[in-house]
Amino acid sequence: MRSLVLLLLTFACLATPGYAKDAHRHHLLIHVDSADKEVMVEALHNATNAIDTVRKQGGQVDVEIVANGFGTAMFVTDLSPVADEVRRIKTSYPALAMSACAISLVHIEASMKKPHTVLPQARTVPSGAVRIMELEEQGWPYLKP
């Protein structure tokens, strides 16, 4: 009887969140639509904190930062107030996806009357809004710093 109770308690602990390693792969979408440097820094730190925390818990996580509107400046070479931080973080977290909205980039270029390039650490997506929609449709939780 005592062995049965111990066995049941062991299974109960393994079934309780926090006791068993979660084989589930987590996802997190972080949306930046502000030109505010502090918002951009917060987004980068939210991403690294999420990755570090899930890894410490033995899990896996995919994180993507999507910048559109005024936030697109985050990933534009000559406009980004956080370019050094983007480079540093991408070096330490190479799987972190960083996406800049092509539509917003066109608007920036038109208003400034000159072409711009996206930082090599980021990629351009056709539409930031559509990228956000796609990730949310796949069940990715949405975070906006």
C-alpha atoms as a PDB file:
ATOM      1  CA  MET A   1       0.000   0.000   0.000  1.00  0.00           C
ATOM      2  CA  ARG A   2       2.794   2.374   0.956  1.00  0.00           C
ATOM      3  CA  SER A   3       4.514   1.743  -2.384  1.00  0.00           C
ATOM      4  CA  LEU A   4       1.286   2.487  -4.220  1.00  0.00           C
ATOM      5  CA  VAL A   5       0.910   5.824  -2.395  1.00  0.00           C
ATOM      6  CA  LEU A   6       4.519   6.785  -3.230  1.00  0.00           C
ATOM      7  CA  LEU A   7       3.981   5.811  -6.844  1.00  0.00           C
ATOM      8  CA  LEU A   8       0.806   7.900  -7.073  1.00  0.00           C
ATOM      9  CA  LEU A   9       2.538  10.895  -5.452  1.00  0.00           C
ATOM     10  CA  THR A  10       5.406  10.602  -7.942  1.00  0.00           C
ATOM     11  CA  PHE A  11       3.005  10.605 -10.889  1.00  0.00           C
ATOM     12  CA  ALA A  12       1.092  13.545  -9.408  1.00  0.00           C
ATOM     13  CA  CYS A  13       4.313  15.575  -9.138  1.00  0.00           C
ATOM     14  CA  LEU A  14       5.322  14.723 -12.690  1.00  0.00           C
ATOM     15  CA  ALA A  15       1.914  15.804 -13.966  1.00  0.00           C
ATOM     16  CA  THR A  16       2.075  19.129 -12.112  1.00  0.00           C
ATOM     17  CA  PRO A  17       3.394  22.082 -14.157  1.00  0.00           C
ATOM     18  CA  GLY A  18       6.895  23.016 -13.100  1.00  0.00           C
ATOM     19  CA  TYR A  19       7.919  19.503 -12.077  1.00  0.00           C
ATOM     20  CA  ALA A  20       8.206  17.852 -15.441  1.00  0.00           C
ATOM     21  CA  LYS A  21      10.213  19.130 -18.350  1.00  0.00           C
ATOM     22  CA  ASP A  22       7.798  20.460 -20.931  1.00  0.00           C
ATOM     23  CA  ALA A  23       8.540  19.023 -24.366  1.00  0.00           C
ATOM     24  CA  HIS A  24       6.221  21.649 -25.862  1.00  0.00           C
ATOM     25  CA  ARG A  25       7.908  24.289 -28.000  1.00  0.00           C
ATOM     26  CA  HIS A  26       6.820  27.765 -26.936  1.00  0.00           C
ATOM     27  CA  HIS A  27       6.375  30.774 -29.205  1.00  0.00           C
ATOM     28  CA  LEU A  28       6.337  34.517 -28.597  1.00  0.00           C
ATOM     29  CA  LEU A  29       5.546  37.365 -30.976  1.00  0.00           C
ATOM     30  CA  ILE A  30       6.791  40.795 -29.907  1.00  0.00           C
ATOM     31  CA  HIS A  31       5.335  43.781 -31.774  1.00  0.00           C
ATOM     32  CA  VAL A  32       7.124  47.139 -32.046  1.00  0.00           C
ATOM     33  CA  ASP A  33       5.319  50.040 -33.723  1.00  0.00           C
ATOM     34  CA  SER A  34       6.969  52.908 -31.867  1.00  0.00           C
ATOM     35  CA  ALA A  35      10.077  54.930 -32.717  1.00  0.00           C
ATOM     36  CA  ASP A  36      10.724  55.292 -28.975  1.00  0.00           C
ATOM     37  CA  LYS A  37      14.166  53.892 -28.133  1.00  0.00           C
ATOM     38  CA  GLU A  38      12.983  52.660 -24.725  1.00  0.00           C
ATOM     39  CA  VAL A  39      10.193  50.607 -26.330  1.00  0.00           C
ATOM     40  CA  MET A  40      12.722  49.048 -28.697  1.00  0.00           C
ATOM     41  CA  VAL A  41      15.124  48.220 -25.859  1.00  0.00           C
ATOM     42  CA  GLU A  42      12.234  46.748 -23.859  1.00  0.00           C
ATOM     43  CA  ALA A  43      11.269  44.541 -26.822  1.00  0.00           C
ATOM     44  CA  LEU A  44      14.822  43.247 -27.180  1.00  0.00           C
ATOM     45  CA  HIS A  45      15.087  42.554 -23.467  1.00  0.00           C
ATOM     46  CA  ASN A  46      11.647  40.885 -23.377  1.00  0.00           C
ATOM     47  CA  ALA A  47      12.890  38.572 -26.129  1.00  0.00           C
ATOM     48  CA  THR A  48      16.136  37.611 -24.393  1.00  0.00           C
ATOM     49  CA  ASN A  49      14.455  37.250 -21.002  1.00  0.00           C
ATOM     50  CA  ALA A  50      11.827  34.922 -22.475  1.00  0.00           C
ATOM     51  CA  ILE A  51      14.464  32.817 -24.217  1.00  0.00           C
ATOM     52  CA  ASP A  52      16.652  32.595 -21.101  1.00  0.00           C
ATOM     53  CA  THR A  53      13.742  31.771 -18.782  1.00  0.00           C
ATOM     54  CA  VAL A  54      12.286  29.028 -20.966  1.00  0.00           C
ATOM     55  CA  ARG A  55      15.745  27.509 -21.503  1.00  0.00           C
ATOM     56  CA  LYS A  56      16.378  27.475 -17.738  1.00  0.00           C
ATOM     57  CA  GLN A  57      13.105  25.570 -17.362  1.00  0.00           C
ATOM     58  CA  GLY A  58      14.351  23.007 -19.872  1.00  0.00           C
ATOM     59  CA  GLY A  59      12.042  24.133 -22.667  1.00  0.00           C
ATOM     60  CA  GLN A  60      12.400  25.560 -26.133  1.00  0.00           C
ATOM     61  CA  VAL A  61      11.039  28.824 -27.474  1.00  0.00           C
ATOM     62  CA  ASP A  62      10.838  30.620 -30.802  1.00  0.00           C
ATOM     63  CA  VAL A  63      10.708  34.416 -30.534  1.00  0.00           C
ATOM     64  CA  GLU A  64      10.079  36.892 -33.330  1.00  0.00           C
ATOM     65  CA  ILE A  65      10.153  40.669 -33.063  1.00  0.00           C
ATOM     66  CA  VAL A  66       8.028  42.280 -35.774  1.00  0.00           C
ATOM     67  CA  ALA A  67       8.513  45.997 -36.354  1.00  0.00           C
ATOM     68  CA  ASN A  68       6.094  48.047 -38.442  1.00  0.00           C
ATOM     69  CA  GLY A  69       4.962  51.650 -38.713  1.00  0.00           C
ATOM     70  CA  PHE A  70       7.323  53.977 -36.844  1.00  0.00           C
ATOM     71  CA  GLY A  71       8.845  50.933 -35.142  1.00  0.00           C
ATOM     72  CA  THR A  72      10.415  49.843 -38.441  1.00  0.00           C
ATOM     73  CA  ALA A  73      13.212  52.316 -37.686  1.00  0.00           C
ATOM     74  CA  MET A  74      14.387  49.753 -35.119  1.00  0.00           C
ATOM     75  CA  PHE A  75      15.866  47.670 -37.938  1.00  0.00           C
ATOM     76  CA  VAL A  76      16.815  50.417 -40.440  1.00  0.00           C
ATOM     77  CA  THR A  77      20.579  50.828 -40.716  1.00  0.00           C
ATOM     78  CA  ASP A  78      20.889  54.608 -40.521  1.00  0.00           C
ATOM     79  CA  LEU A  79      17.827  55.233 -38.328  1.00  0.00           C
ATOM     80  CA  SER A  80      17.977  52.629 -35.570  1.00  0.00           C
ATOM     81  CA  PRO A  81      18.668  54.007 -32.098  1.00  0.00           C
ATOM     82  CA  VAL A  82      19.331  50.417 -30.966  1.00  0.00           C
ATOM     83  CA  ALA A  83      21.494  49.096 -33.824  1.00  0.00           C
ATOM     84  CA  ASP A  84      24.374  48.121 -31.518  1.00  0.00           C
ATOM     85  CA  GLU A  85      22.004  46.309 -29.165  1.00  0.00           C
ATOM     86  CA  VAL A  86      20.362  44.507 -32.131  1.00  0.00           C
ATOM     87  CA  ARG A  87      23.802  43.351 -33.327  1.00  0.00           C
ATOM     88  CA  ARG A  88      24.879  42.229 -29.843  1.00  0.00           C
ATOM     89  CA  ILE A  89      21.663  40.348 -29.132  1.00  0.00           C
ATOM     90  CA  LYS A  90      21.520  38.663 -32.541  1.00  0.00           C
ATOM     91  CA  THR A  91      25.084  37.423 -31.997  1.00  0.00           C
ATOM     92  CA  SER A  92      24.131  35.933 -28.621  1.00  0.00           C
ATOM     93  CA  TYR A  93      20.698  34.684 -29.750  1.00  0.00           C
ATOM     94  CA  PRO A  94      21.059  33.752 -33.446  1.00  0.00           C
ATOM     95  CA  ALA A  95      17.650  32.028 -33.596  1.00  0.00           C
ATOM     96  CA  LEU A  96      15.829  35.217 -32.548  1.00  0.00           C
ATOM     97  CA  ALA A  97      13.865  36.342 -35.608  1.00  0.00           C
ATOM     98  CA  MET A  98      13.736  40.071 -36.330  1.00  0.00           C
ATOM     99  CA  SER A  99      11.349  41.261 -39.037  1.00  0.00           C
ATOM    100  CA  ALA A 100      10.932  44.702 -40.586  1.00  0.00           C
ATOM    101  CA  CYS A 101       7.817  45.717 -42.532  1.00  0.00           C
ATOM    102  CA  ALA A 102       8.528  46.405 -46.220  1.00  0.00           C
ATOM    103  CA  ILE A 103       5.436  48.607 -46.552  1.00  0.00           C
ATOM    104  CA  SER A 104       6.618  50.826 -43.686  1.00  0.00           C
ATOM    105  CA  LEU A 105      10.108  50.915 -45.185  1.00  0.00           C
ATOM    106  CA  VAL A 106       8.669  52.244 -48.468  1.00  0.00           C
ATOM    107  CA  HIS A 107       6.839  54.990 -46.531  1.00  0.00           C
ATOM    108  CA  ILE A 108      10.036  55.922 -44.661  1.00  0.00           C
ATOM    109  CA  GLU A 109      11.961  56.126 -47.926  1.00  0.00           C
ATOM    110  CA  ALA A 110       9.260  58.249 -49.546  1.00  0.00           C
ATOM    111  CA  SER A 111       9.056  60.683 -46.640  1.00  0.00           C
ATOM    112  CA  MET A 112      12.847  61.014 -46.353  1.00  0.00           C
ATOM    113  CA  LYS A 113      13.356  60.935 -50.135  1.00  0.00           C
ATOM    114  CA  LYS A 114      16.215  58.448 -49.960  1.00  0.00           C
ATOM    115  CA  PRO A 115      16.662  54.687 -49.927  1.00  0.00           C
ATOM    116  CA  HIS A 116      17.301  52.815 -46.684  1.00  0.00           C
ATOM    117  CA  THR A 117      18.577  49.357 -45.883  1.00  0.00           C
ATOM    118  CA  VAL A 118      17.585  46.947 -43.161  1.00  0.00           C
ATOM    119  CA  LEU A 119      20.212  45.819 -40.660  1.00  0.00           C
ATOM    120  CA  PRO A 120      21.709  42.460 -41.670  1.00  0.00           C
ATOM    121  CA  GLN A 121      20.471  40.957 -38.394  1.00  0.00           C
ATOM    122  CA  ALA A 122      16.859  41.502 -39.505  1.00  0.00           C
ATOM    123  CA  ARG A 123      14.868  40.426 -42.493  1.00  0.00           C
ATOM    124  CA  THR A 124      12.225  42.260 -44.456  1.00  0.00           C
ATOM    125  CA  VAL A 125       8.698  40.841 -44.574  1.00  0.00           C
ATOM    126  CA  PRO A 126       6.166  42.068 -47.135  1.00  0.00           C
ATOM    127  CA  SER A 127       3.816  43.390 -44.433  1.00  0.00           C
ATOM    128  CA  GLY A 128       4.394  43.610 -40.695  1.00  0.00           C
ATOM    129  CA  ALA A 129       0.653  43.496 -40.062  1.00  0.00           C
ATOM    130  CA  VAL A 130       0.266  40.360 -42.159  1.00  0.00           C
ATOM    131  CA  ARG A 131       3.254  38.731 -40.440  1.00  0.00           C
ATOM    132  CA  ILE A 132       1.662  39.434 -37.051  1.00  0.00           C
ATOM    133  CA  MET A 133      -1.640  38.016 -38.305  1.00  0.00           C
ATOM    134  CA  GLU A 134       0.077  34.848 -39.588  1.00  0.00           C
ATOM    135  CA  LEU A 135       1.860  34.229 -36.302  1.00  0.00           C
ATOM    136  CA  GLU A 136      -1.281  34.849 -34.251  1.00  0.00           C
ATOM    137  CA  GLU A 137      -3.233  32.469 -36.485  1.00  0.00           C
ATOM    138  CA  GLN A 138      -0.579  29.854 -35.674  1.00  0.00           C
ATOM    139  CA  GLY A 139      -1.254  30.437 -31.972  1.00  0.00           C
ATOM    140  CA  TRP A 140       1.741  32.620 -31.130  1.00  0.00           C
ATOM    141  CA  PRO A 141       1.073  34.768 -28.038  1.00  0.00           C
ATOM    142  CA  TYR A 142       1.315  38.516 -28.681  1.00  0.00           C
ATOM    143  CA  LEU A 143       3.380  40.873 -26.535  1.00  0.00           C
ATOM    144  CA  LYS A 144       3.653  44.612 -27.026  1.00  0.00           C
ATOM    145  CA  PRO A 145       6.134  46.446 -24.823  1.00  0.00           C
END
